[in-house]
């Protein structure tokens, strides 16, 4: 995976590539919701930055259009973000969760649901089954 950090805008473009697969800059631009539309050249610049950072790769050229595809896996990318976030809390998941609770980002109810989901996935055959998150 790339070790370069991605901006929020770069990450948004990369998410579209994960969603659509191999496509052109124009297709990415047209796939964005109206409230996120920017100039074609802005998307083009973001795509070229993502290529430079190793997150996208050129697949082929059709006419004047370059087609790009994700060069990194979505789950691998997210795992890296989680590791970076944990590093901000000294590698402690407890400190991270404590901060999320204190800030109101998650509730005790959310935490309990996560705990039930985690224990349901292990050897507790009992309650797990619904899979709602």
N, C-alpha and C. Protein backbone atom coordinates (compact mmCIF):
# COMPACT_ATOMS: atom_id res chain seq x y z
N UNK A 1 0.84 -1.19 0.00
CA UNK A 1 0.00 0.00 0.00
C UNK A 1 0.88 1.24 0.00
N UNK A 2 0.33 2.31 -0.51
CA UNK A 2 1.03 3.58 -0.52
C UNK A 2 1.19 4.09 0.91
N UNK A 3 2.31 4.73 1.21
CA UNK A 3 2.50 5.30 2.53
C UNK A 3 2.16 6.78 2.54
N UNK A 4 1.91 7.36 1.37
CA UNK A 4 1.56 8.77 1.29
C UNK A 4 0.16 8.99 1.85
N UNK A 5 -0.01 10.08 2.54
CA UNK A 5 -1.33 10.42 3.07
C UNK A 5 -2.17 11.01 1.96
N UNK A 6 -3.46 10.73 2.02
CA UNK A 6 -4.38 11.26 1.03
C UNK A 6 -5.25 12.33 1.67
N UNK A 7 -5.51 13.38 0.90
CA UNK A 7 -6.40 14.43 1.37
C UNK A 7 -7.84 13.91 1.35
N UNK A 8 -8.72 14.66 1.97
CA UNK A 8 -10.14 14.28 1.97
C UNK A 8 -10.68 14.22 0.54
N UNK A 9 -10.30 15.19 -0.29
CA UNK A 9 -10.76 15.22 -1.68
C UNK A 9 -10.20 14.03 -2.47
N UNK A 10 -8.93 13.71 -2.25
CA UNK A 10 -8.33 12.55 -2.92
C UNK A 10 -9.03 11.26 -2.50
N UNK A 11 -9.31 11.14 -1.21
CA UNK A 11 -9.99 9.95 -0.71
C UNK A 11 -11.38 9.83 -1.32
N UNK A 12 -12.07 10.94 -1.48
CA UNK A 12 -13.41 10.92 -2.09
C UNK A 12 -13.34 10.42 -3.53
N UNK A 13 -12.34 10.85 -4.28
CA UNK A 13 -12.19 10.40 -5.67
C UNK A 13 -11.84 8.91 -5.68
N UNK A 14 -10.95 8.48 -4.80
CA UNK A 14 -10.57 7.07 -4.72
C UNK A 14 -11.79 6.21 -4.38
N UNK A 15 -12.66 6.69 -3.50
CA UNK A 15 -13.89 5.96 -3.17
C UNK A 15 -14.75 5.74 -4.41
N UNK A 16 -14.80 6.75 -5.28
CA UNK A 16 -15.57 6.61 -6.51
C UNK A 16 -14.95 5.54 -7.41
N UNK A 17 -13.62 5.49 -7.46
CA UNK A 17 -12.97 4.44 -8.26
C UNK A 17 -13.25 3.06 -7.70
N UNK A 18 -13.27 2.92 -6.37
CA UNK A 18 -13.63 1.63 -5.78
C UNK A 18 -15.06 1.26 -6.14
N UNK A 19 -15.93 2.23 -6.18
CA UNK A 19 -17.34 1.99 -6.49
C UNK A 19 -17.53 1.64 -7.97
N UNK A 20 -16.87 2.37 -8.87
CA UNK A 20 -17.10 2.22 -10.31
C UNK A 20 -16.12 1.28 -11.01
N UNK A 21 -14.95 1.10 -10.44
CA UNK A 21 -13.91 0.31 -11.12
C UNK A 21 -13.15 1.16 -12.12
N UNK A 22 -12.63 0.54 -13.15
CA UNK A 22 -11.84 1.24 -14.16
C UNK A 22 -12.72 2.24 -14.90
N UNK A 23 -12.29 3.50 -14.92
CA UNK A 23 -13.04 4.53 -15.64
C UNK A 23 -12.18 5.77 -15.86
N UNK A 24 -12.76 6.71 -16.58
CA UNK A 24 -12.06 7.95 -16.93
C UNK A 24 -12.34 9.05 -15.91
N UNK A 25 -11.59 10.13 -16.02
CA UNK A 25 -11.80 11.30 -15.17
C UNK A 25 -13.23 11.81 -15.36
N UNK A 26 -13.69 11.89 -16.61
CA UNK A 26 -15.04 12.38 -16.92
C UNK A 26 -16.10 11.52 -16.23
N UNK A 27 -15.93 10.20 -16.25
CA UNK A 27 -16.90 9.31 -15.61
C UNK A 27 -16.93 9.52 -14.10
N UNK A 28 -15.77 9.76 -13.51
CA UNK A 28 -15.72 10.04 -12.07
C UNK A 28 -16.46 11.34 -11.78
N UNK A 29 -16.16 12.38 -12.56
CA UNK A 29 -16.82 13.66 -12.37
C UNK A 29 -18.34 13.52 -12.46
N UNK A 30 -18.81 12.80 -13.47
CA UNK A 30 -20.25 12.64 -13.67
C UNK A 30 -20.90 11.77 -12.60
N UNK A 31 -20.11 10.94 -11.91
CA UNK A 31 -20.67 10.08 -10.86
C UNK A 31 -20.83 10.81 -9.53
N UNK A 32 -20.21 11.98 -9.41
CA UNK A 32 -20.30 12.72 -8.15
C UNK A 32 -21.68 13.37 -8.02
N UNK A 33 -22.24 13.38 -6.80
CA UNK A 33 -23.51 14.07 -6.58
C UNK A 33 -23.36 15.56 -6.92
N UNK A 34 -24.47 16.20 -7.28
CA UNK A 34 -24.44 17.60 -7.70
C UNK A 34 -23.75 18.50 -6.67
N UNK A 35 -23.99 18.26 -5.40
CA UNK A 35 -23.41 19.13 -4.37
C UNK A 35 -21.90 18.91 -4.18
N UNK A 36 -21.34 17.90 -4.84
CA UNK A 36 -19.89 17.65 -4.77
C UNK A 36 -19.20 17.93 -6.10
N UNK A 37 -19.93 18.39 -7.09
CA UNK A 37 -19.35 18.63 -8.42
C UNK A 37 -18.34 19.76 -8.36
N UNK A 38 -17.23 19.54 -9.00
CA UNK A 38 -16.17 20.54 -9.14
C UNK A 38 -15.78 20.57 -10.61
N UNK A 39 -14.83 21.41 -10.95
CA UNK A 39 -14.39 21.50 -12.34
C UNK A 39 -13.70 20.19 -12.78
N UNK A 40 -13.80 19.91 -14.06
CA UNK A 40 -13.15 18.74 -14.63
C UNK A 40 -11.66 18.74 -14.29
N UNK A 41 -11.02 19.90 -14.42
CA UNK A 41 -9.57 19.99 -14.18
C UNK A 41 -9.23 19.70 -12.72
N UNK A 42 -10.15 19.99 -11.81
CA UNK A 42 -9.92 19.68 -10.40
C UNK A 42 -9.88 18.17 -10.19
N UNK A 43 -10.86 17.48 -10.77
CA UNK A 43 -10.90 16.01 -10.65
C UNK A 43 -9.67 15.43 -11.34
N UNK A 44 -9.31 15.97 -12.48
CA UNK A 44 -8.13 15.49 -13.22
C UNK A 44 -6.87 15.63 -12.37
N UNK A 45 -6.71 16.77 -11.72
CA UNK A 45 -5.55 16.98 -10.85
C UNK A 45 -5.53 15.98 -9.70
N UNK A 46 -6.70 15.74 -9.09
CA UNK A 46 -6.78 14.78 -7.99
C UNK A 46 -6.43 13.37 -8.47
N UNK A 47 -6.90 13.01 -9.65
CA UNK A 47 -6.61 11.68 -10.21
C UNK A 47 -5.10 11.54 -10.45
N UNK A 48 -4.47 12.56 -11.02
CA UNK A 48 -3.02 12.47 -11.26
C UNK A 48 -2.23 12.42 -9.95
N UNK A 49 -2.70 13.14 -8.93
CA UNK A 49 -2.05 13.06 -7.61
C UNK A 49 -2.17 11.64 -7.05
N UNK A 50 -3.37 11.06 -7.19
CA UNK A 50 -3.57 9.69 -6.70
C UNK A 50 -2.69 8.70 -7.45
N UNK A 51 -2.48 8.94 -8.72
CA UNK A 51 -1.57 8.07 -9.49
C UNK A 51 -0.15 8.22 -8.98
N UNK A 52 0.28 9.45 -8.76
CA UNK A 52 1.63 9.71 -8.25
C UNK A 52 1.85 9.07 -6.89
N UNK A 53 0.81 9.08 -6.06
CA UNK A 53 0.89 8.51 -4.71
C UNK A 53 0.73 6.99 -4.70
N UNK A 54 0.45 6.41 -5.86
CA UNK A 54 0.33 4.96 -5.94
C UNK A 54 -1.04 4.40 -5.62
N UNK A 55 -2.04 5.27 -5.51
CA UNK A 55 -3.39 4.81 -5.17
C UNK A 55 -4.20 4.44 -6.42
N UNK A 56 -3.87 5.05 -7.56
CA UNK A 56 -4.49 4.72 -8.84
C UNK A 56 -3.41 4.34 -9.83
N UNK A 57 -3.80 3.59 -10.87
CA UNK A 57 -2.86 3.27 -11.94
C UNK A 57 -3.56 3.43 -13.28
N UNK A 58 -2.79 3.88 -14.27
CA UNK A 58 -3.33 3.98 -15.63
C UNK A 58 -3.50 2.58 -16.17
N UNK A 59 -4.67 2.33 -16.77
CA UNK A 59 -4.96 1.03 -17.33
C UNK A 59 -4.80 1.05 -18.84
N UNK A 60 -5.42 2.03 -19.48
CA UNK A 60 -5.29 2.16 -20.93
C UNK A 60 -5.78 3.53 -21.36
N UNK A 61 -5.54 3.82 -22.62
CA UNK A 61 -5.96 5.09 -23.20
C UNK A 61 -6.92 4.79 -24.34
N UNK A 62 -8.07 5.48 -24.33
CA UNK A 62 -9.03 5.37 -25.41
C UNK A 62 -9.24 6.77 -25.96
N UNK A 63 -8.76 7.00 -27.18
CA UNK A 63 -8.79 8.35 -27.74
C UNK A 63 -7.92 9.25 -26.89
N UNK A 64 -8.50 10.34 -26.41
CA UNK A 64 -7.76 11.24 -25.52
C UNK A 64 -7.95 10.91 -24.04
N UNK A 65 -8.82 9.98 -23.75
CA UNK A 65 -9.16 9.68 -22.36
C UNK A 65 -8.27 8.58 -21.79
N UNK A 66 -7.70 8.86 -20.64
CA UNK A 66 -6.96 7.85 -19.88
C UNK A 66 -7.94 7.14 -18.96
N UNK A 67 -7.83 5.83 -18.87
CA UNK A 67 -8.63 5.07 -17.92
C UNK A 67 -7.75 4.69 -16.74
N UNK A 68 -8.28 4.89 -15.56
CA UNK A 68 -7.55 4.58 -14.34
C UNK A 68 -8.33 3.55 -13.54
N UNK A 69 -7.59 2.82 -12.70
CA UNK A 69 -8.19 1.83 -11.81
C UNK A 69 -7.51 1.93 -10.44
N UNK A 70 -8.21 1.52 -9.39
CA UNK A 70 -7.58 1.54 -8.07
C UNK A 70 -6.34 0.63 -8.04
N UNK A 71 -5.30 1.11 -7.43
CA UNK A 71 -4.08 0.32 -7.28
C UNK A 71 -3.94 -0.20 -5.85
N UNK A 72 -4.82 0.26 -4.97
CA UNK A 72 -4.81 -0.21 -3.58
C UNK A 72 -6.21 -0.72 -3.23
N UNK A 73 -6.24 -1.69 -2.35
CA UNK A 73 -7.47 -2.31 -1.90
C UNK A 73 -8.15 -1.44 -0.85
N UNK A 74 -9.46 -1.34 -0.91
CA UNK A 74 -10.22 -0.50 0.02
C UNK A 74 -10.02 -0.93 1.47
N UNK A 75 -10.08 -2.21 1.75
CA UNK A 75 -9.93 -2.66 3.14
C UNK A 75 -8.50 -2.44 3.64
N UNK A 76 -7.53 -2.59 2.75
CA UNK A 76 -6.14 -2.32 3.12
C UNK A 76 -5.95 -0.83 3.46
N UNK A 77 -6.57 0.04 2.65
CA UNK A 77 -6.49 1.47 2.88
C UNK A 77 -7.13 1.84 4.22
N UNK A 78 -8.33 1.30 4.46
CA UNK A 78 -9.02 1.59 5.72
C UNK A 78 -8.24 1.07 6.91
N UNK A 79 -7.64 -0.10 6.76
CA UNK A 79 -6.81 -0.65 7.84
C UNK A 79 -5.66 0.28 8.18
N UNK A 80 -5.06 0.87 7.16
CA UNK A 80 -3.98 1.84 7.38
C UNK A 80 -4.47 3.07 8.12
N UNK A 81 -5.66 3.53 7.78
CA UNK A 81 -6.24 4.69 8.47
C UNK A 81 -6.49 4.37 9.94
N UNK A 82 -6.99 3.17 10.20
CA UNK A 82 -7.25 2.76 11.58
C UNK A 82 -5.94 2.68 12.36
N UNK A 83 -4.89 2.11 11.74
CA UNK A 83 -3.58 2.05 12.41
C UNK A 83 -3.06 3.45 12.70
N UNK A 84 -3.21 4.37 11.74
CA UNK A 84 -2.77 5.75 11.95
C UNK A 84 -3.54 6.40 13.10
N UNK A 85 -4.85 6.16 13.13
CA UNK A 85 -5.68 6.71 14.19
C UNK A 85 -5.27 6.15 15.55
N UNK A 86 -5.05 4.85 15.61
CA UNK A 86 -4.60 4.25 16.87
C UNK A 86 -3.26 4.83 17.32
N UNK A 87 -2.38 5.10 16.36
CA UNK A 87 -1.08 5.70 16.69
C UNK A 87 -1.25 7.04 17.41
N UNK A 88 -2.30 7.79 17.05
CA UNK A 88 -2.56 9.07 17.71
C UNK A 88 -2.93 8.89 19.18
N UNK A 89 -3.35 7.68 19.53
CA UNK A 89 -3.73 7.36 20.91
C UNK A 89 -2.74 6.40 21.54
N UNK A 90 -1.49 6.49 21.11
CA UNK A 90 -0.43 5.66 21.67
C UNK A 90 -0.64 4.18 21.41
N UNK A 91 -1.40 3.84 20.38
CA UNK A 91 -1.65 2.44 20.06
C UNK A 91 -2.70 1.79 20.94
N UNK A 92 -3.38 2.60 21.76
CA UNK A 92 -4.34 2.05 22.71
C UNK A 92 -5.78 2.14 22.20
N UNK A 93 -6.38 0.99 21.88
CA UNK A 93 -7.80 1.01 21.48
C UNK A 93 -8.70 1.54 22.59
N UNK A 94 -8.33 1.30 23.84
CA UNK A 94 -9.14 1.77 24.97
C UNK A 94 -9.18 3.30 25.01
N UNK A 95 -8.03 3.94 24.79
CA UNK A 95 -8.02 5.41 24.77
C UNK A 95 -8.83 5.95 23.61
N UNK A 96 -8.74 5.30 22.47
CA UNK A 96 -9.50 5.72 21.29
C UNK A 96 -11.00 5.63 21.58
N UNK A 97 -11.44 4.49 22.08
CA UNK A 97 -12.87 4.29 22.35
C UNK A 97 -13.34 5.24 23.45
N UNK A 98 -12.52 5.45 24.45
CA UNK A 98 -12.86 6.38 25.52
C UNK A 98 -13.07 7.78 24.95
N UNK A 99 -12.21 8.19 24.05
CA UNK A 99 -12.35 9.50 23.42
C UNK A 99 -13.63 9.57 22.59
N UNK A 100 -13.94 8.50 21.86
CA UNK A 100 -15.16 8.47 21.05
C UNK A 100 -16.40 8.57 21.94
N UNK A 101 -16.37 7.91 23.09
CA UNK A 101 -17.48 7.98 24.03
C UNK A 101 -17.61 9.38 24.63
N UNK A 102 -16.49 9.96 25.06
CA UNK A 102 -16.51 11.29 25.67
C UNK A 102 -16.98 12.36 24.69
N UNK A 103 -16.63 12.21 23.44
CA UNK A 103 -17.02 13.21 22.44
C UNK A 103 -18.45 13.01 21.94
N UNK A 104 -19.06 11.90 22.30
CA UNK A 104 -20.41 11.62 21.85
C UNK A 104 -20.47 11.04 20.45
N UNK A 105 -19.31 10.71 19.88
CA UNK A 105 -19.27 10.14 18.53
C UNK A 105 -19.93 8.77 18.51
N UNK A 106 -19.71 8.01 19.58
CA UNK A 106 -20.44 6.74 19.75
C UNK A 106 -21.08 6.76 21.13
N UNK A 107 -22.10 5.95 21.29
CA UNK A 107 -22.80 5.85 22.57
C UNK A 107 -22.49 4.50 23.22
N UNK A 108 -22.88 4.38 24.47
CA UNK A 108 -22.71 3.09 25.16
C UNK A 108 -23.54 2.02 24.45
N UNK A 109 -24.69 2.41 23.89
CA UNK A 109 -25.52 1.47 23.15
C UNK A 109 -24.76 0.95 21.92
N UNK A 110 -24.07 1.86 21.21
CA UNK A 110 -23.26 1.45 20.06
C UNK A 110 -22.17 0.48 20.49
N UNK A 111 -21.53 0.81 21.60
CA UNK A 111 -20.44 -0.02 22.11
C UNK A 111 -20.95 -1.41 22.49
N UNK A 112 -22.12 -1.47 23.11
CA UNK A 112 -22.71 -2.76 23.50
C UNK A 112 -23.04 -3.58 22.25
N UNK A 113 -23.58 -2.91 21.21
CA UNK A 113 -23.90 -3.61 19.97
C UNK A 113 -22.63 -4.18 19.32
N UNK A 114 -21.56 -3.41 19.37
CA UNK A 114 -20.28 -3.90 18.84
C UNK A 114 -19.77 -5.08 19.64
N UNK A 115 -19.90 -4.98 20.95
CA UNK A 115 -19.47 -6.07 21.83
C UNK A 115 -20.27 -7.34 21.55
N UNK A 116 -21.58 -7.19 21.38
CA UNK A 116 -22.43 -8.35 21.08
C UNK A 116 -22.07 -8.95 19.72
N UNK A 117 -21.81 -8.10 18.75
CA UNK A 117 -21.43 -8.58 17.42
C UNK A 117 -20.11 -9.32 17.47
N UNK A 118 -19.16 -8.79 18.25
CA UNK A 118 -17.85 -9.43 18.37
C UNK A 118 -17.96 -10.77 19.08
N UNK A 119 -18.73 -10.83 20.15
CA UNK A 119 -18.86 -12.10 20.89
C UNK A 119 -19.69 -13.11 20.10
N UNK A 120 -20.61 -12.62 19.28
CA UNK A 120 -21.40 -13.51 18.43
C UNK A 120 -20.56 -14.15 17.35
N UNK A 121 -19.52 -13.47 16.92
CA UNK A 121 -18.64 -14.00 15.89
C UNK A 121 -17.64 -15.01 16.41
N UNK A 122 -17.52 -15.09 17.74
CA UNK A 122 -16.59 -16.06 18.33
C UNK A 122 -17.33 -17.34 18.65
N UNK A 123 -17.07 -17.97 19.75
CA UNK A 123 -17.66 -19.28 20.01
C UNK A 123 -18.97 -19.21 20.80
N UNK A 124 -19.56 -18.02 21.00
CA UNK A 124 -20.86 -17.90 21.67
C UNK A 124 -21.94 -18.16 20.64
N UNK A 125 -22.50 -19.31 20.58
CA UNK A 125 -23.51 -19.62 19.58
C UNK A 125 -24.80 -18.89 19.79
N UNK A 126 -25.07 -18.35 20.98
CA UNK A 126 -26.35 -17.88 21.40
C UNK A 126 -26.95 -16.71 20.65
N UNK A 127 -26.65 -15.47 21.01
CA UNK A 127 -27.45 -14.32 20.63
C UNK A 127 -27.14 -13.76 19.27
N UNK A 128 -25.91 -13.77 18.79
CA UNK A 128 -25.44 -13.08 17.62
C UNK A 128 -26.38 -12.84 16.49
N UNK A 129 -26.87 -13.55 15.73
CA UNK A 129 -27.52 -13.67 14.51
C UNK A 129 -28.09 -12.51 13.73
N UNK A 130 -28.47 -11.38 14.29
CA UNK A 130 -29.15 -10.36 13.50
C UNK A 130 -28.23 -9.62 12.56
N UNK A 131 -27.03 -9.28 12.97
CA UNK A 131 -26.08 -8.62 12.10
C UNK A 131 -26.38 -7.15 11.85
N UNK A 132 -27.18 -6.49 12.66
CA UNK A 132 -27.43 -5.07 12.49
C UNK A 132 -26.32 -4.28 13.14
N UNK A 133 -25.88 -3.23 12.43
CA UNK A 133 -24.81 -2.41 13.01
C UNK A 133 -25.20 -0.96 12.97
